């Protein structure tokens, strides 16, 4: 190869070498960070969530349910895997309309799979996000109890005050300042007497 051809070859290979060196520097710098992000995402996979709603509402509900599931599992010390499927749909019906329904399936590999159905509407009423998350946490507690065992201590607390029955207000029908006649209270006027006077 002549000297002229060598110089031409070097000029052609120079951009490729620069790109390779730049890629190597990027891999050395961003490689560990990318691997950390991938590991973090793999660790926090959480349940599979399917939402039957509009795109914006579906994204919000999916994020809220995933956050609630991971926070609850982290607090209890349980790792949620892909064995849990959450389906948020318009109506959940099991003989009657329900807020939520939990189903468990035993597979051949002796690993139980769970499906939680959450309703967006119950008896014509749209369910709020806080009510939906409350129903989800209740069902998630059943799943966790089935995986790690039932709680050894459970203390129920009911803060709801019972509603008083609606009753007529107590009103004194006697005018103020008038004493009963002859020390006795006046009795009711018979209906016949009132009708006789009217005629």
Protein backbone atom coordinates (compact mmCIF):
# COMPACT_ATOMS: atom_id res chain seq x y z
CA UNK A 1 0.00 0.00 0.00
CA UNK A 2 1.45 3.34 -1.00
CA UNK A 3 1.85 6.27 1.33
CA UNK A 4 -0.96 8.19 -0.40
CA UNK A 5 -3.38 5.31 0.05
CA UNK A 6 -2.42 5.01 3.72
CA UNK A 7 -3.18 8.69 4.34
CA UNK A 8 -6.53 8.34 2.55
CA UNK A 9 -7.38 5.31 4.67
CA UNK A 10 -6.48 7.16 7.87
CA UNK A 11 -8.67 10.12 6.90
CA UNK A 12 -11.60 7.79 6.23
CA UNK A 13 -11.16 5.87 9.49
CA UNK A 14 -10.67 8.94 11.68
CA UNK A 15 -14.43 9.74 12.18
CA UNK A 16 -15.14 6.09 12.91
CA UNK A 17 -12.39 5.97 15.55
CA UNK A 18 -13.66 9.17 17.14
CA UNK A 19 -17.20 7.79 17.29
CA UNK A 20 -15.95 4.54 18.82
CA UNK A 21 -13.94 6.40 21.44
CA UNK A 22 -16.90 8.63 22.24
CA UNK A 23 -19.19 5.59 22.57
CA UNK A 24 -16.69 3.92 24.89
CA UNK A 25 -16.54 7.03 27.10
CA UNK A 26 -20.35 7.24 27.17
CA UNK A 27 -20.65 3.56 28.06
CA UNK A 28 -18.06 3.95 30.82
CA UNK A 29 -19.88 6.98 32.22
CA UNK A 30 -23.55 6.11 31.74
CA UNK A 31 -23.29 2.33 31.84
CA UNK A 32 -23.42 1.94 35.65
CA UNK A 33 -26.20 4.51 35.95
CA UNK A 34 -28.28 2.80 33.27
CA UNK A 35 -27.73 -0.57 34.93
CA UNK A 36 -28.80 0.87 38.30
CA UNK A 37 -32.00 2.27 36.77
CA UNK A 38 -32.76 -1.04 35.06
CA UNK A 39 -32.21 -2.98 38.29
CA UNK A 40 -34.40 -0.56 40.21
CA UNK A 41 -37.20 -0.90 37.70
CA UNK A 42 -36.91 -4.67 37.68
CA UNK A 43 -37.07 -4.76 41.46
CA UNK A 44 -40.11 -2.48 41.58
CA UNK A 45 -42.11 -4.13 38.83
CA UNK A 46 -45.20 -4.53 40.97
CA UNK A 47 -48.51 -5.84 39.72
CA UNK A 48 -49.78 -5.82 36.15
CA UNK A 49 -52.54 -3.19 35.87
CA UNK A 50 -55.21 -3.02 33.15
CA UNK A 51 -57.50 0.03 33.10
CA UNK A 52 -60.66 0.28 30.99
CA UNK A 53 -60.97 4.06 30.89
CA UNK A 54 -59.93 7.07 28.86
CA UNK A 55 -56.23 7.50 28.28
CA UNK A 56 -55.71 10.37 30.73
CA UNK A 57 -57.82 8.78 33.47
CA UNK A 58 -56.22 5.39 32.81
CA UNK A 59 -52.73 6.81 33.27
CA UNK A 60 -53.67 8.52 36.54
CA UNK A 61 -55.43 5.46 37.96
CA UNK A 62 -52.63 3.13 36.90
CA UNK A 63 -50.03 5.31 38.60
CA UNK A 64 -52.11 5.68 41.78
CA UNK A 65 -52.82 1.96 42.07
CA UNK A 66 -49.19 1.01 41.38
CA UNK A 67 -47.97 3.52 43.97
CA UNK A 68 -50.48 2.29 46.54
CA UNK A 69 -49.54 -1.36 45.91
CA UNK A 70 -45.78 -0.78 46.16
CA UNK A 71 -46.11 1.44 49.24
CA UNK A 72 -48.33 -1.08 51.01
CA UNK A 73 -46.08 -4.01 50.10
CA UNK A 74 -42.96 -2.12 51.18
CA UNK A 75 -44.57 -1.19 54.50
CA UNK A 76 -45.59 -4.79 55.22
CA UNK A 77 -42.29 -6.20 53.95
CA UNK A 78 -43.69 -8.22 51.05
CA UNK A 79 -42.47 -8.20 47.45
CA UNK A 80 -45.24 -7.93 44.88
CA UNK A 81 -44.50 -9.89 41.73
CA UNK A 82 -46.23 -10.40 38.41
CA UNK A 83 -48.46 -12.97 40.12
CA UNK A 84 -50.88 -10.12 40.90
CA UNK A 85 -53.13 -8.72 38.17
CA UNK A 86 -55.30 -5.65 38.80
CA UNK A 87 -58.18 -4.93 36.42
CA UNK A 88 -59.99 -1.60 36.74
CA UNK A 89 -63.21 -1.72 34.75
CA UNK A 90 -66.52 0.07 34.61
CA UNK A 91 -68.64 -2.50 36.49
CA UNK A 92 -67.77 -5.54 38.64
CA UNK A 93 -70.68 -7.96 38.85
CA UNK A 94 -70.88 -11.13 40.92
CA UNK A 95 -74.59 -11.68 41.40
CA UNK A 96 -74.77 -7.98 42.25
CA UNK A 97 -72.64 -4.94 41.57
CA UNK A 98 -69.53 -4.78 43.75
CA UNK A 99 -66.78 -2.28 44.50
CA UNK A 100 -64.11 -4.96 44.19
CA UNK A 101 -63.64 -8.68 43.69
CA UNK A 102 -60.61 -10.85 44.50
CA UNK A 103 -59.98 -14.15 42.74
CA UNK A 104 -57.12 -16.61 43.31
CA UNK A 105 -55.96 -19.31 40.90
CA UNK A 106 -53.71 -22.25 41.76
CA UNK A 107 -51.29 -23.07 38.94
CA UNK A 108 -49.44 -26.32 38.36
CA UNK A 109 -46.18 -24.81 39.59
CA UNK A 110 -47.76 -24.42 43.05
CA UNK A 111 -47.67 -20.64 42.79
CA UNK A 112 -50.99 -18.94 43.36
CA UNK A 113 -52.00 -16.12 41.03
CA UNK A 114 -54.33 -13.32 42.10
CA UNK A 115 -56.71 -11.10 40.16
CA UNK A 116 -58.28 -8.00 41.74
CA UNK A 117 -61.21 -6.40 39.93
CA UNK A 118 -62.00 -2.77 40.83
CA UNK A 119 -65.21 -1.04 39.75
CA UNK A 120 -65.41 2.51 38.41
CA UNK A 121 -69.22 2.55 38.76
CA UNK A 122 -71.45 0.97 41.43
CA UNK A 123 -75.25 1.05 41.05
CA UNK A 124 -75.12 4.00 38.67
CA UNK A 125 -72.77 5.99 40.93
CA UNK A 126 -69.25 6.83 39.86
CA UNK A 127 -66.64 5.74 42.38
CA UNK A 128 -64.11 8.32 43.50
CA UNK A 129 -60.39 7.61 43.36
CA UNK A 130 -60.08 7.54 47.16
CA UNK A 131 -62.91 5.00 47.43
CA UNK A 132 -61.36 2.89 44.67
CA UNK A 133 -57.95 2.91 46.40
CA UNK A 134 -59.58 2.01 49.71
CA UNK A 135 -61.26 -1.02 48.12
CA UNK A 136 -57.95 -1.95 46.48
CA UNK A 137 -56.02 -1.80 49.75
CA UNK A 138 -58.64 -3.98 51.42
CA UNK A 139 -58.29 -6.62 48.71
CA UNK A 140 -54.50 -6.27 48.75
CA UNK A 141 -54.53 -6.96 52.49
CA UNK A 142 -56.32 -10.25 51.74
CA UNK A 143 -53.64 -11.15 49.18
CA UNK A 144 -50.81 -10.34 51.60
CA UNK A 145 -52.57 -12.32 54.33
CA UNK A 146 -52.83 -15.30 52.02
CA UNK A 147 -49.12 -15.07 51.11
CA UNK A 148 -47.45 -14.42 54.47
CA UNK A 149 -50.22 -15.44 56.86
CA UNK A 150 -53.02 -13.74 58.72
CA UNK A 151 -52.18 -10.88 61.11
CA UNK A 152 -51.51 -11.89 64.71
CA UNK A 153 -53.11 -8.69 65.99
CA UNK A 154 -56.11 -6.88 64.58
CA UNK A 155 -57.76 -3.98 66.40
CA UNK A 156 -60.90 -2.64 64.70
CA UNK A 157 -61.84 0.96 65.30
CA UNK A 158 -65.20 2.48 64.35
CA UNK A 159 -65.26 6.27 64.46
CA UNK A 160 -68.64 6.68 62.79
CA UNK A 161 -71.18 8.27 65.12
CA UNK A 162 -74.65 6.69 64.77
CA UNK A 163 -77.17 9.10 63.27
CA UNK A 164 -79.98 10.24 65.55
CA UNK A 165 -83.49 9.60 64.38
CA UNK A 166 -85.26 12.63 63.06
CA UNK A 167 -87.87 13.65 65.63
CA UNK A 168 -90.24 16.59 65.96
CA UNK A 169 -88.88 19.44 68.05
CA UNK A 170 -90.31 19.82 71.52
CA UNK A 171 -92.46 22.98 71.55
CA UNK A 172 -94.47 24.35 74.43
CA UNK A 173 -97.93 24.95 72.93
CA UNK A 174 -99.14 26.96 75.93
CA UNK A 175 -98.61 30.73 75.56
CA UNK A 176 -96.08 32.18 77.96
CA UNK A 177 -97.47 33.98 81.02
CA UNK A 178 -100.83 32.13 81.09
CA UNK A 179 -101.45 29.86 84.03
CA UNK A 180 -103.76 26.87 83.75
CA UNK A 181 -107.39 27.61 84.68
CA UNK A 182 -108.40 26.55 88.25
CA UNK A 183 -105.04 24.83 88.60
CA UNK A 184 -106.03 22.26 86.01
CA UNK A 185 -104.88 22.07 82.44
CA UNK A 186 -107.61 22.54 79.83
CA UNK A 187 -108.47 19.29 78.08
CA UNK A 188 -108.90 18.80 74.36
CA UNK A 189 -112.18 20.00 72.81
CA UNK A 190 -114.25 17.09 71.48
CA UNK A 191 -114.52 16.91 67.69
CA UNK A 192 -118.35 16.76 67.80
CA UNK A 193 -118.48 20.08 69.63
CA UNK A 194 -116.26 21.77 67.04
CA UNK A 195 -118.35 20.43 64.16
CA UNK A 196 -121.58 21.54 65.91
CA UNK A 197 -120.32 25.08 66.30
CA UNK A 198 -119.20 25.20 62.69
CA UNK A 199 -122.68 24.26 61.51
